[in-house]
Amino acid sequence: MHEKREHRDRYVLLCQQALVFAAVLAVVAPAARMLSLDIVPRG
């Protein structure tokens, strides 16, 4: 039983990290796109 609970805690931690990573990516991706558009000279 204890081993199973420990495994579940690790799974929850992994899910939390994945959610944080997805949130950071969702915030950074549009900003990075805007910055790259600003860097590239037009015309």
Foldseek 3Di string as FASTA:
>chain_A
DVVVVVVVVVVVVVVVVVVVVVVVCVVVVVVVVVVVVVVDDDD
